């Protein structure tokens, strides 16, 4: 399935009735998800995951949820490439956000397709 219609929607995903984990910006849009899917967080598609202070704040508040989320999908915690606190925070928030973006792609496509059909 192509994610082309994701690029055309900049309304918050929560407005589409899709849950967004608390550790992700609640104003994230399908456009943001398309960018994350295309280039990953490190491409600048999701700056809160790659900005040290924001990633640290996110990990300080939601480390257990992020850990559980990653392990529930991957079966284990991947090993970071940078063992500094800042680097690990960016790595784990990025992994979790990228996994979540992949997990909602099909649901988002379906919702946006349904909305497009309703507007025809």
C-alpha atoms as a PDB file:
ATOM      1  CA  UNK A   1       0.000   0.000   0.000  1.00  0.00           C
ATOM      2  CA  UNK A   2       1.316   3.413  -0.920  1.00  0.00           C
ATOM      3  CA  UNK A   3       1.507   6.067   1.778  1.00  0.00           C
ATOM      4  CA  UNK A   4       0.867   8.858  -0.749  1.00  0.00           C
ATOM      5  CA  UNK A   5      -2.279  10.132   0.948  1.00  0.00           C
ATOM      6  CA  UNK A   6      -0.408  10.395   4.256  1.00  0.00           C
ATOM      7  CA  UNK A   7       1.583  13.246   2.708  1.00  0.00           C
ATOM      8  CA  UNK A   8      -1.641  15.135   2.039  1.00  0.00           C
ATOM      9  CA  UNK A   9      -2.990  15.238   5.599  1.00  0.00           C
ATOM     10  CA  UNK A  10      -1.662  17.558   8.275  1.00  0.00           C
ATOM     11  CA  UNK A  11      -4.463  17.107  10.810  1.00  0.00           C
ATOM     12  CA  UNK A  12      -3.570  15.468  14.145  1.00  0.00           C
ATOM     13  CA  UNK A  13      -3.856  11.689  14.062  1.00  0.00           C
ATOM     14  CA  UNK A  14      -5.865  11.681  17.273  1.00  0.00           C
ATOM     15  CA  UNK A  15      -8.609  13.538  15.357  1.00  0.00           C
ATOM     16  CA  UNK A  16      -8.885  10.428  13.149  1.00  0.00           C
ATOM     17  CA  UNK A  17      -9.634   8.261  16.186  1.00  0.00           C
ATOM     18  CA  UNK A  18      -6.213   6.606  16.282  1.00  0.00           C
ATOM     19  CA  UNK A  19      -4.475   6.397  19.631  1.00  0.00           C
ATOM     20  CA  UNK A  20      -1.107   8.080  19.929  1.00  0.00           C
ATOM     21  CA  UNK A  21       1.141   6.897  22.774  1.00  0.00           C
ATOM     22  CA  UNK A  22       1.760   9.491  25.481  1.00  0.00           C
ATOM     23  CA  UNK A  23       5.469   9.538  24.610  1.00  0.00           C
ATOM     24  CA  UNK A  24       4.760  10.878  21.123  1.00  0.00           C
ATOM     25  CA  UNK A  25       3.721  14.476  20.413  1.00  0.00           C
ATOM     26  CA  UNK A  26      -0.079  14.377  20.482  1.00  0.00           C
ATOM     27  CA  UNK A  27      -0.224  16.688  17.466  1.00  0.00           C
ATOM     28  CA  UNK A  28       1.619  14.228  15.205  1.00  0.00           C
ATOM     29  CA  UNK A  29       0.025  14.068  11.755  1.00  0.00           C
ATOM     30  CA  UNK A  30      -0.159  11.530   8.923  1.00  0.00           C
ATOM     31  CA  UNK A  31       2.278  13.816   7.084  1.00  0.00           C
ATOM     32  CA  UNK A  32       4.744  13.371   9.963  1.00  0.00           C
ATOM     33  CA  UNK A  33       4.250   9.597   9.866  1.00  0.00           C
ATOM     34  CA  UNK A  34       4.960   9.559   6.113  1.00  0.00           C
ATOM     35  CA  UNK A  35       8.184  11.488   6.711  1.00  0.00           C
ATOM     36  CA  UNK A  36       9.221   9.130   9.529  1.00  0.00           C
ATOM     37  CA  UNK A  37       8.511   6.109   7.326  1.00  0.00           C
ATOM     38  CA  UNK A  38      10.523   7.613   4.497  1.00  0.00           C
ATOM     39  CA  UNK A  39      13.635   8.725   6.344  1.00  0.00           C
ATOM     40  CA  UNK A  40      13.378   7.780  10.011  1.00  0.00           C
ATOM     41  CA  UNK A  41      13.515  10.173  12.923  1.00  0.00           C
ATOM     42  CA  UNK A  42      17.183  10.949  12.310  1.00  0.00           C
ATOM     43  CA  UNK A  43      16.282  12.539   8.968  1.00  0.00           C
ATOM     44  CA  UNK A  44      14.649  15.336  10.936  1.00  0.00           C
ATOM     45  CA  UNK A  45      11.181  13.905  10.395  1.00  0.00           C
ATOM     46  CA  UNK A  46      10.514  13.796  14.146  1.00  0.00           C
ATOM     47  CA  UNK A  47      12.749  16.239  15.959  1.00  0.00           C
ATOM     48  CA  UNK A  48      11.648  15.418  19.551  1.00  0.00           C
ATOM     49  CA  UNK A  49      13.383  12.049  19.136  1.00  0.00           C
ATOM     50  CA  UNK A  50      16.689  13.460  17.946  1.00  0.00           C
ATOM     51  CA  UNK A  51      16.947  16.635  19.997  1.00  0.00           C
ATOM     52  CA  UNK A  52      18.938  15.602  23.073  1.00  0.00           C
ATOM     53  CA  UNK A  53      17.029  17.538  25.722  1.00  0.00           C
ATOM     54  CA  UNK A  54      13.633  16.477  24.346  1.00  0.00           C
ATOM     55  CA  UNK A  55      14.607  12.825  24.045  1.00  0.00           C
ATOM     56  CA  UNK A  56      16.003  12.905  27.594  1.00  0.00           C
ATOM     57  CA  UNK A  57      12.777  14.434  28.928  1.00  0.00           C
ATOM     58  CA  UNK A  58      10.737  11.822  27.094  1.00  0.00           C
ATOM     59  CA  UNK A  59      12.844   8.963  28.441  1.00  0.00           C
ATOM     60  CA  UNK A  60      12.803  10.413  31.967  1.00  0.00           C
ATOM     61  CA  UNK A  61       9.013  10.467  31.955  1.00  0.00           C
ATOM     62  CA  UNK A  62       8.121   7.428  29.838  1.00  0.00           C
ATOM     63  CA  UNK A  63      11.112   5.062  29.935  1.00  0.00           C
ATOM     64  CA  UNK A  64       9.065   2.085  31.164  1.00  0.00           C
ATOM     65  CA  UNK A  65       6.379   2.551  28.500  1.00  0.00           C
ATOM     66  CA  UNK A  66       8.981   2.996  25.758  1.00  0.00           C
ATOM     67  CA  UNK A  67      10.913  -0.054  26.945  1.00  0.00           C
ATOM     68  CA  UNK A  68       7.753  -2.183  27.084  1.00  0.00           C
ATOM     69  CA  UNK A  69       6.643  -0.968  23.656  1.00  0.00           C
ATOM     70  CA  UNK A  70       9.964  -1.776  21.978  1.00  0.00           C
ATOM     71  CA  UNK A  71      10.229  -5.202  23.615  1.00  0.00           C
ATOM     72  CA  UNK A  72       6.607  -6.052  22.762  1.00  0.00           C
ATOM     73  CA  UNK A  73       7.385  -5.565  19.063  1.00  0.00           C
ATOM     74  CA  UNK A  74      11.038  -6.558  18.743  1.00  0.00           C
ATOM     75  CA  UNK A  75      11.226  -9.160  21.504  1.00  0.00           C
ATOM     76  CA  UNK A  76      14.291  -7.472  22.972  1.00  0.00           C
ATOM     77  CA  UNK A  77      15.933  -4.099  23.363  1.00  0.00           C
ATOM     78  CA  UNK A  78      18.240  -3.233  20.485  1.00  0.00           C
ATOM     79  CA  UNK A  79      21.735  -2.118  21.377  1.00  0.00           C
ATOM     80  CA  UNK A  80      22.430   1.603  20.916  1.00  0.00           C
ATOM     81  CA  UNK A  81      25.388   2.801  18.893  1.00  0.00           C
ATOM     82  CA  UNK A  82      26.075   5.699  21.275  1.00  0.00           C
ATOM     83  CA  UNK A  83      26.348   4.824  24.946  1.00  0.00           C
ATOM     84  CA  UNK A  84      26.090   8.411  26.235  1.00  0.00           C
ATOM     85  CA  UNK A  85      22.859   9.226  28.092  1.00  0.00           C
ATOM     86  CA  UNK A  86      21.863  11.687  25.382  1.00  0.00           C
ATOM     87  CA  UNK A  87      22.677   9.253  22.605  1.00  0.00           C
ATOM     88  CA  UNK A  88      20.788   6.384  24.226  1.00  0.00           C
ATOM     89  CA  UNK A  89      17.731   8.570  24.820  1.00  0.00           C
ATOM     90  CA  UNK A  90      17.662   9.643  21.173  1.00  0.00           C
ATOM     91  CA  UNK A  91      18.206   6.080  20.010  1.00  0.00           C
ATOM     92  CA  UNK A  92      15.414   4.519  22.070  1.00  0.00           C
ATOM     93  CA  UNK A  93      12.857   7.271  21.469  1.00  0.00           C
ATOM     94  CA  UNK A  94      13.626   7.085  17.740  1.00  0.00           C
ATOM     95  CA  UNK A  95      13.278   3.295  17.665  1.00  0.00           C
ATOM     96  CA  UNK A  96       9.935   3.468  19.487  1.00  0.00           C
ATOM     97  CA  UNK A  97       8.555   6.269  17.296  1.00  0.00           C
ATOM     98  CA  UNK A  98       9.652   4.523  14.092  1.00  0.00           C
ATOM     99  CA  UNK A  99       8.081   1.241  15.234  1.00  0.00           C
ATOM    100  CA  UNK A 100       4.850   3.035  16.094  1.00  0.00           C
ATOM    101  CA  UNK A 101       4.784   4.863  12.745  1.00  0.00           C
ATOM    102  CA  UNK A 102       5.153   1.537  10.943  1.00  0.00           C
ATOM    103  CA  UNK A 103       2.420  -0.010  13.058  1.00  0.00           C
ATOM    104  CA  UNK A 104      -0.182   2.682  12.242  1.00  0.00           C
ATOM    105  CA  UNK A 105       0.590   3.135   8.540  1.00  0.00           C
ATOM    106  CA  UNK A 106      -2.106   0.750   7.261  1.00  0.00           C
ATOM    107  CA  UNK A 107      -4.747   2.005   9.699  1.00  0.00           C
ATOM    108  CA  UNK A 108      -4.010   5.607   8.730  1.00  0.00           C
ATOM    109  CA  UNK A 109      -4.185   4.767   5.021  1.00  0.00           C
ATOM    110  CA  UNK A 110      -7.534   3.073   5.545  1.00  0.00           C
ATOM    111  CA  UNK A 111      -8.982   5.958   7.564  1.00  0.00           C
ATOM    112  CA  UNK A 112      -7.804   8.524   5.036  1.00  0.00           C
ATOM    113  CA  UNK A 113      -9.140   6.443   2.131  1.00  0.00           C
ATOM    114  CA  UNK A 114     -12.522   6.228   3.879  1.00  0.00           C
ATOM    115  CA  UNK A 115     -12.545   9.985   4.461  1.00  0.00           C
ATOM    116  CA  UNK A 116     -11.699  10.615   0.799  1.00  0.00           C
ATOM    117  CA  UNK A 117     -14.553   8.337  -0.295  1.00  0.00           C
ATOM    118  CA  UNK A 118     -16.981  10.126   2.046  1.00  0.00           C
ATOM    119  CA  UNK A 119     -15.980  13.474   0.541  1.00  0.00           C
ATOM    120  CA  UNK A 120     -16.614  12.344  -3.050  1.00  0.00           C
END
